[in-house]
Amino acid sequence: LPVSGTFGIQLRFCEPTVVVPSRASTIQVLVHGITYNTAYWDSDFKPEIYSYAHFASRKGYATLNLARLGYGLSDHPDPVNVVQYPLSATVIIELIKLARNGGVPGASGRAFNKVVYVGHSAGSIIGNGLVQQVPDLIDAAALTGFSHSVSDLDLVTLFGIQPAALNDPARFGNLSSDYLTTGNATNREISFYSAAGTFEPEALAYDEAHKDTTTTGEGLTTGVLQGVAPAYTGHVLSIAGDGDIVFCPESDCANLEKEQEFYPNAASFETAVVPSTGHSLNFHNSAPVFYNMIQDWLNRR
């Protein structure tokens, strides 16, 4: 069914703290996955280690970190018929158009002529949809914590999915039962983290305390945006942690090599596997290694 409306979207625009003239007209758009929000890319827990937004800023990049529709401080409309992946993609398309046309709040009317899309998990699914539907919208896509090969594990049980209002009434009590979240810290550790010792227990505790939701509508539309993008001619980086039990069903995430078939005409396609890291790449000890892998790719491309 057609969906239309006006929606409030939480944005955080950050100017770089280091001036690099060649990057002055480039913006990185940061898009989180399910049960996360803007804190995924910009954690205030040890941000010098776990904030990609801080890292990018130190490298001379402006960033636009957003809470997808139904997340964070963005609006929370109907979680079945409205908060679905196609509409989320459309909202982000409009935000990127704003960035290209000088309409980002806080950017003083500056237009960005280069856009790097950096997604995580469901944010990468949406990125795949963007390069499929609007192939000339972005110049480069770092699709992290994602592949078209998905584990055959019972993820609903593994994640401990339940209505968010029941899980944490203090935070989510005003949401309908089709807004969902993970069960507890143990569910997140098993699902999103690698072996003990690869992450700080405090990082997991922060993750659990700041977790967000997903919706039934997103669950019903997961596959809609995962097709081939034959018209996309920008650059693609496919990157995941070697301990990602969701999107790395093959040993050492060897399945990432198959991702190139979905971007057959990309200017370049690269893969990278982050060692000793699970699905939530930003909250492992290896986060700085992960960030530098993205930066090395940007330097090459």
Foldseek 3Di string as FASTA:
>chain_A
DDDDDDKFKDKDKDFAPDADPVQQQEEEEEAEDFQAALCLQQPPPPRVQQHLCNVVSPVGHIYIGIGFDCKDPIDNPDQAPQQALVNSLVVVLVVLVCQQQQNDPPPNSRHHPAYEYEYADLRLLSVLLCCQPPQVSHQEYEYELADPDWAPDPLCVLQQKFQPCVQDVVVCVVDDRQWIGGRALNSCCRQFWFDPPQFDPVLSVSSRVRTITHGPNHVVRVPVRNAANAPHAHEYEYEYEQAANTHQVDHSSPVVVVRCRSHVRYVYYYYYYQYRTYRSLSGTSCVVVVSVVVVVVVVVD
